[in-house]
Protein backbone atom coordinates (compact mmCIF):
# COMPACT_ATOMS: atom_id res chain seq x y z
CA MET A 1 37.34 -35.09 22.18
CA SER A 2 36.45 -36.14 18.79
CA ASP A 3 39.16 -36.24 16.09
CA VAL A 4 36.66 -35.69 13.30
CA PRO A 5 37.38 -32.24 11.39
CA GLN A 6 34.87 -29.82 11.21
CA PRO A 7 33.21 -29.40 7.87
CA ARG A 8 34.47 -26.44 6.02
CA VAL A 9 32.16 -23.21 5.57
CA THR A 10 32.73 -20.69 2.93
CA ILE A 11 32.08 -17.21 4.16
CA ALA A 12 30.56 -15.16 1.00
CA LEU A 13 31.53 -11.47 1.78
CA CYS A 14 30.47 -8.64 -0.81
CA THR A 15 32.17 -5.27 -0.51
CA TYR A 16 31.99 -1.81 -1.87
CA ASN A 17 33.70 1.12 -0.50
CA GLY A 18 33.43 -0.32 3.18
CA ALA A 19 36.79 0.64 4.53
CA GLN A 20 35.18 2.58 7.37
CA HIS A 21 33.52 -0.55 9.11
CA LEU A 22 35.22 -3.50 7.33
CA GLU A 23 37.96 -4.10 9.55
CA ALA A 24 35.64 -4.88 12.53
CA GLN A 25 33.62 -7.36 10.37
CA LEU A 26 36.85 -9.13 9.49
CA ALA A 27 38.12 -9.27 13.06
CA SER A 28 34.76 -10.85 14.03
CA TYR A 29 35.50 -13.84 11.70
CA LEU A 30 38.75 -14.55 13.64
CA ALA A 31 36.79 -14.51 16.83
CA GLN A 32 34.37 -17.26 15.46
CA THR A 33 34.44 -20.45 17.87
CA TYR A 34 33.84 -22.42 14.80
CA THR A 35 37.22 -22.07 13.09
CA ALA A 36 36.94 -24.08 9.62
CA TRP A 37 36.09 -21.41 7.55
CA ASP A 38 37.38 -19.99 4.22
CA LEU A 39 36.69 -16.54 2.80
CA TRP A 40 35.75 -15.55 -0.74
CA ILE A 41 35.21 -11.84 -1.19
CA SER A 42 33.61 -10.15 -4.22
CA ASP A 43 34.60 -6.42 -4.40
CA ASP A 44 32.15 -4.19 -6.46
CA GLY A 45 34.80 -1.77 -7.75
CA SER A 46 35.58 0.12 -4.47
CA SER A 47 37.25 3.38 -4.81
CA ASP A 48 38.15 3.81 -1.24
CA ARG A 49 40.69 1.38 0.98
CA THR A 50 38.50 -1.60 0.75
CA ARG A 51 40.64 -3.69 -1.46
CA ALA A 52 44.05 -2.81 0.36
CA LEU A 53 42.13 -3.89 3.64
CA LEU A 54 41.14 -7.11 2.11
CA GLU A 55 44.53 -7.96 0.47
CA ALA A 56 46.29 -7.23 3.94
CA PHE A 57 43.86 -9.45 5.44
CA ALA A 58 44.34 -12.28 2.90
CA LYS A 59 48.16 -12.04 3.35
CA ALA A 60 48.08 -11.99 7.24
CA HIS A 61 45.44 -15.24 7.61
CA SER A 62 46.04 -17.17 4.29
CA HIS A 63 48.18 -19.80 6.20
CA GLN A 64 44.92 -20.75 8.31
CA HIS A 65 42.11 -20.00 5.84
CA ALA A 66 41.59 -20.01 2.07
CA ILE A 67 41.08 -16.58 0.83
CA ARG A 68 40.06 -15.44 -2.45
CA ILE A 69 39.35 -11.89 -3.80
CA VAL A 70 37.25 -11.51 -6.90
CA THR A 71 36.13 -8.56 -9.05
CA GLY A 72 32.17 -8.18 -8.88
CA PRO A 73 29.97 -7.15 -11.75
CA GLN A 74 29.13 -3.92 -10.52
CA LYS A 75 25.49 -4.06 -11.18
CA GLY A 76 24.33 -3.70 -7.76
CA VAL A 77 24.20 -5.88 -4.33
CA ALA A 78 22.01 -8.63 -5.41
CA ALA A 79 24.09 -9.31 -8.71
CA ASN A 80 27.39 -8.92 -6.61
CA PHE A 81 26.27 -11.73 -4.01
CA LEU A 82 24.65 -14.10 -6.62
CA SER A 83 27.67 -13.81 -8.98
CA LEU A 84 29.90 -14.65 -6.24
CA LEU A 85 27.96 -17.93 -5.26
CA CYS A 86 27.73 -18.86 -8.93
CA HIS A 87 31.59 -18.38 -9.62
CA PRO A 88 32.52 -21.50 -11.23
CA GLU A 89 35.41 -22.04 -8.58
CA PHE A 90 33.25 -21.09 -5.48
CA PRO A 91 33.53 -24.28 -3.18
CA GLU A 92 30.48 -26.64 -3.13
CA ALA A 93 30.17 -26.40 0.56
CA PRO A 94 27.88 -24.71 2.97
CA CYS A 95 28.27 -21.13 2.87
CA ALA A 96 27.46 -18.06 5.01
CA LEU A 97 26.74 -14.54 3.52
CA SER A 98 28.10 -11.79 4.88
CA ASP A 99 27.84 -7.84 4.69
CA GLN A 100 30.91 -5.69 4.94
CA ASP A 101 29.70 -3.56 7.87
CA ASP A 102 28.18 -5.85 10.53
CA VAL A 103 30.09 -7.69 13.15
CA TRP A 104 29.31 -11.21 13.71
CA LEU A 105 28.88 -12.74 17.45
CA PRO A 106 31.48 -15.54 18.28
CA GLU A 107 28.82 -18.26 17.84
CA LYS A 108 27.46 -17.31 14.54
CA LEU A 109 28.96 -19.91 12.41
CA ALA A 110 28.68 -22.40 15.08
CA LEU A 111 25.00 -22.01 15.50
CA GLY A 112 24.12 -22.02 11.85
CA MET A 113 26.66 -25.06 11.09
CA ALA A 114 24.75 -26.97 13.84
CA ALA A 115 21.34 -26.15 12.25
CA LEU A 116 21.72 -26.92 8.87
CA PRO A 117 21.02 -30.41 7.44
CA SER A 118 23.36 -31.90 4.81
CA ASN A 119 21.06 -34.00 2.67
CA HIS A 120 18.36 -31.64 1.50
CA PRO A 121 18.38 -28.00 0.18
CA CYS A 122 18.09 -25.60 3.35
CA LEU A 123 18.35 -21.83 3.85
CA TYR A 124 19.25 -20.87 7.51
CA GLY A 125 18.75 -17.39 8.94
CA ALA A 126 18.75 -16.00 12.48
CA GLN A 127 18.25 -12.65 14.38
CA SER A 128 20.36 -9.33 14.81
CA VAL A 129 21.04 -6.96 17.50
CA GLN A 130 20.36 -3.42 15.68
CA THR A 131 23.03 -0.83 16.67
CA ASN A 132 24.14 2.59 15.67
CA ALA A 133 27.29 3.26 13.73
CA ALA A 134 29.30 2.87 16.94
CA LEU A 135 27.87 -0.49 17.77
CA VAL A 136 25.56 0.65 20.62
CA PRO A 137 22.66 -1.58 20.70
CA LEU A 138 19.44 -0.02 19.65
CA ALA A 139 16.75 -2.48 19.30
CA ARG A 140 16.26 -6.30 18.87
CA GLY A 141 15.93 -8.34 15.79
CA PRO A 142 12.58 -8.28 13.85
CA GLN A 143 11.21 -11.60 14.66
CA ARG A 144 10.58 -10.89 18.36
CA GLY A 145 7.06 -9.67 19.05
CA HIS A 146 5.48 -11.55 16.33
CA LYS A 147 2.22 -12.92 17.32
CA ARG A 148 1.99 -15.39 14.74
CA PRO A 149 4.56 -18.20 14.32
CA MET A 150 6.76 -17.58 11.11
CA SER A 151 5.72 -20.39 8.65
CA PRO A 152 7.85 -20.10 5.64
CA SER A 153 6.56 -21.19 2.50
CA PHE A 154 6.74 -20.38 -1.37
CA ALA A 155 3.26 -18.59 -1.19
CA ASN A 156 4.78 -16.09 1.26
CA ALA A 157 8.01 -15.77 -0.28
CA LEU A 158 6.29 -14.46 -3.52
CA VAL A 159 5.27 -11.27 -1.42
CA GLN A 160 7.67 -10.92 1.45
CA ASN A 161 11.22 -12.04 2.44
CA ILE A 162 11.53 -13.33 6.18
CA VAL A 163 15.40 -14.35 5.87
CA SER A 164 17.84 -11.75 6.64
CA GLY A 165 20.63 -11.84 4.13
CA HIS A 166 23.27 -10.91 6.51
CA SER A 167 22.62 -13.93 8.81
CA ALA A 168 21.82 -16.35 5.96
CA MET A 169 23.55 -19.62 5.41
CA LEU A 170 23.18 -22.25 2.82
CA ASN A 171 23.86 -26.04 2.81
CA ALA A 172 25.87 -27.43 -0.25
CA PRO A 173 22.35 -28.92 -1.85
CA ALA A 174 20.88 -25.25 -1.72
CA LEU A 175 23.98 -23.73 -2.84
CA ALA A 176 23.71 -26.11 -5.89
CA LEU A 177 19.98 -24.94 -6.39
CA VAL A 178 21.35 -21.48 -6.55
CA ARG A 179 24.06 -22.12 -9.09
CA ALA A 180 21.63 -23.99 -11.22
CA ALA A 181 19.52 -20.90 -11.26
CA GLY A 182 22.36 -18.76 -12.11
CA VAL A 183 22.03 -15.04 -11.78
CA PRO A 184 18.66 -13.60 -12.52
CA PRO A 185 18.56 -9.86 -14.01
CA ASN A 186 16.84 -7.04 -12.31
CA ILE A 187 15.96 -8.72 -9.04
CA PRO A 188 15.62 -6.47 -6.08
CA TYR A 189 17.17 -8.44 -3.35
CA HIS A 190 19.21 -11.49 -3.30
CA ASP A 191 18.04 -12.89 0.10
CA TRP A 192 14.45 -12.70 -1.04
CA TRP A 193 15.66 -14.39 -4.34
CA LEU A 194 17.09 -17.23 -2.01
CA TYR A 195 13.99 -17.44 -0.01
CA GLN A 196 11.96 -17.97 -3.02
CA LEU A 197 14.31 -20.32 -4.85
CA VAL A 198 14.67 -22.76 -1.93
CA THR A 199 10.90 -22.86 -0.92
CA GLY A 200 10.09 -23.05 -4.46
CA ALA A 201 12.08 -26.01 -5.00
CA GLY A 202 10.78 -27.98 -1.83
CA GLY A 203 13.64 -27.02 0.15
CA ARG A 204 13.69 -26.22 4.07
CA ILE A 205 13.65 -22.74 5.65
CA ILE A 206 15.04 -22.57 9.28
CA VAL A 207 14.66 -19.26 10.93
CA ARG A 208 16.10 -19.19 14.57
CA ALA A 209 15.50 -16.94 17.60
CA GLN A 210 19.08 -16.47 18.36
CA GLU A 211 21.00 -13.28 17.93
CA VAL A 212 24.12 -13.88 15.96
CA LEU A 213 25.43 -10.40 14.78
CA LEU A 214 25.59 -6.85 15.46
CA TYR A 215 23.51 -5.02 12.78
CA ARG A 216 25.22 -1.62 12.34
CA GLN A 217 22.74 1.04 11.19
CA HIS A 218 24.44 4.03 9.43
CA SER A 219 23.86 6.43 6.51
CA GLN A 220 25.33 4.26 3.84
CA ASN A 221 23.09 0.92 4.57
CA THR A 222 21.78 -0.39 1.29
CA MET A 223 18.85 -1.72 3.31
CA GLY A 224 18.19 -0.60 6.76
CA ALA A 225 16.46 -2.21 9.77
CA ASN A 226 12.69 -3.11 9.40
CA GLN A 227 11.57 -1.82 12.93
CA GLY A 228 9.91 1.28 13.83
CA VAL A 229 7.48 3.89 12.88
CA ARG A 230 9.68 5.13 9.96
CA ALA A 231 10.42 1.63 8.68
CA ARG A 232 6.54 0.93 8.81
CA LEU A 233 5.90 4.06 6.87
CA ARG A 234 8.61 3.23 4.21
CA ARG A 235 6.97 -0.37 3.87
CA ALA A 236 3.44 1.13 3.55
CA ALA A 237 4.57 3.59 0.94
CA GLN A 238 6.27 0.58 -1.21
CA LEU A 239 3.19 -1.47 -0.92
CA PHE A 240 0.94 1.42 -2.11
CA GLY A 241 3.42 2.74 -4.70
CA ALA A 242 4.88 1.49 -8.00
CA THR A 243 8.19 0.10 -6.30
CA TYR A 244 6.52 -2.99 -4.57
CA GLY A 245 4.75 -3.93 -7.76
CA ALA A 246 7.84 -3.78 -9.75
CA TRP A 247 9.77 -5.87 -7.46
CA LEU A 248 7.10 -8.62 -7.58
CA ALA A 249 7.06 -8.58 -11.36
CA ALA A 250 10.92 -8.75 -11.48
CA ASN A 251 10.78 -11.87 -8.98
CA THR A 252 7.98 -13.67 -10.90
CA ALA A 253 9.80 -13.07 -14.15
CA ALA A 254 13.21 -14.38 -12.73
CA LEU A 255 11.10 -17.47 -11.32
CA ARG A 256 9.55 -18.14 -14.52
CA HIS A 257 12.84 -18.79 -16.20
CA VAL A 258 14.00 -21.14 -13.56
CA GLU A 259 10.65 -22.98 -13.28
CA ARG A 260 12.29 -26.24 -14.17
CA LEU A 261 13.64 -26.06 -10.78
CA LEU A 262 10.26 -25.70 -9.05
CA THR A 263 7.68 -28.33 -7.58
CA PRO A 264 4.55 -28.68 -9.35
CA GLU A 265 2.75 -26.96 -6.38
CA ALA A 266 5.18 -24.02 -6.68
CA GLN A 267 4.73 -23.70 -10.48
CA SER A 268 0.83 -23.48 -9.95
CA THR A 269 1.04 -20.95 -7.21
CA LEU A 270 3.72 -18.98 -9.65
CA LYS A 271 1.08 -19.08 -12.25
CA ALA A 272 -1.69 -17.63 -10.04
CA MET A 273 0.84 -14.91 -8.99
CA GLU A 274 1.46 -14.11 -12.64
CA LEU A 275 -2.39 -14.29 -13.64
CA ALA A 276 -3.79 -11.97 -10.75
CA PRO A 277 -2.56 -8.69 -11.96
CA LYS A 278 -4.09 -9.70 -15.59
CA GLN A 279 -7.63 -9.99 -14.22
CA ILE A 280 -9.94 -7.12 -14.82
CA PHE A 281 -12.01 -7.23 -11.60
CA ALA A 282 -10.18 -6.49 -8.48
CA LEU A 283 -11.94 -9.11 -6.19
CA LYS A 284 -11.05 -11.73 -8.73
CA ARG A 285 -7.53 -10.69 -8.40
CA LEU A 286 -7.69 -11.03 -4.66
CA SER A 287 -9.67 -14.44 -4.71
CA THR A 288 -6.85 -15.94 -6.99
CA LEU A 289 -4.22 -14.79 -4.49
CA ARG A 290 -6.15 -16.08 -1.34
CA HIS A 291 -6.83 -19.29 -3.04
CA HIS A 292 -3.29 -20.01 -3.40
CA GLY A 293 -2.29 -18.96 0.33
CA ILE A 294 -0.21 -15.94 -1.14
CA GLN A 295 0.02 -13.70 1.84
CA ARG A 296 2.20 -11.83 4.45
CA HIS A 297 2.98 -12.93 7.75
CA SER A 298 1.53 -10.10 9.96
CA ARG A 299 -2.23 -9.45 9.64
CA LEU A 300 -1.39 -5.82 9.05
CA GLY A 301 0.79 -6.71 6.46
CA THR A 302 -1.61 -9.26 4.74
CA ALA A 303 -4.27 -6.45 5.02
CA ALA A 304 -1.92 -3.85 3.33
CA LEU A 305 -1.27 -6.42 0.49
CA TRP A 306 -4.98 -7.14 -0.12
CA MET A 307 -5.57 -3.37 -0.21
CA SER A 308 -2.77 -3.00 -2.69
CA VAL A 309 -4.22 -5.79 -4.99
CA LEU A 310 -7.66 -4.23 -4.88
CA LEU A 311 -6.05 -0.88 -5.74
CA GLY A 312 -4.46 -2.54 -8.61
CA ARG A 313 -0.97 -1.68 -7.26
CA CYS A 314 0.28 -5.06 -7.75
C-alpha cells in the first residue's frame, strides 16, 4: 500500500434554509471512500436550523477535517457559490461543489479526483439518480439516452449547460480561473458560468456516465430535474419566451467583462453571439450562429434554438 497521502479536496457547500435535508448530505460526506476532504460552507442567511446544524457538524468533525462557515452575499444561489469559490482564503486546491439537499454516493469524490488532471484547467461532472423527497429513485440521470455524443465546447456553452452543478468538481487551475474572473453580476446559474468560463479559456470538460449522487426532488428545489414531459415543456417555454434571451444576454455581458481570460477563438465566437441579435434579418442572425457552431446538443434542442432565433426571441 502506498504511503503517499491523498491530495486534499475542498467541498464547497452552499446553504439556505436547508435544515430539512441537510443532515443526510453532511452524513454522506463522512461516508466518502476518499477521506482527504475539507469543508467550506457559505450560508446565505438561513432563518431555520441550518446554521445550528452546520456549527454542530463542524464541532464534531473539525479534528479530522478543516471546516469553515462563512456568510453568503444573499444575492441568490449563483452569487453564493461563486463568492464562496472567490473567498480570498478559500483553499487553492481541487474543489467539489455541493447542494444542501442531495446525498452523495460513497465513491463520488474518489471518482472525481481520479478523473481530474492536475496541470490544465478542468471542470468535471457526472450523473445523478433522481429521487423523491424520501430518496426513492425516480429516474436516471439526463445523459442516458442521448443519441449524439456529448461534445463540450464554448460554442455550445453559450446556449446550453451540460455540467450539473451538484456533481461538479474543479481542479486547482480551473479554480484559479474562476477566481481571476470574480463574481459576475446577474448571471442565472453558477454551473453554466463555470462551463462557459472553462471552455472559453481553452480548458477541458469531463462528463462521466457514473451516477455519483442521489438528486432529491422536492418542492423547494431551486432547479429541478431536466427529464420528463413537464421539464421539456418548461424548457420550450423558456426558449420561446423572454427568460432564455435574458439569460443569454446576462452571460454574454459577463463573459465580455472577462474577455482577457478567453482564447482568441472564443473571443470571436462571443463576438458572433453578441452580434447576431443586432442583425435586422432573421436568416442572417441564424447564419451567424451556425457559422460559429453555436448550437445545443440534441437535434430537437437545436431546432428549437433556431426557431427562437428566427422569431427574434434571442
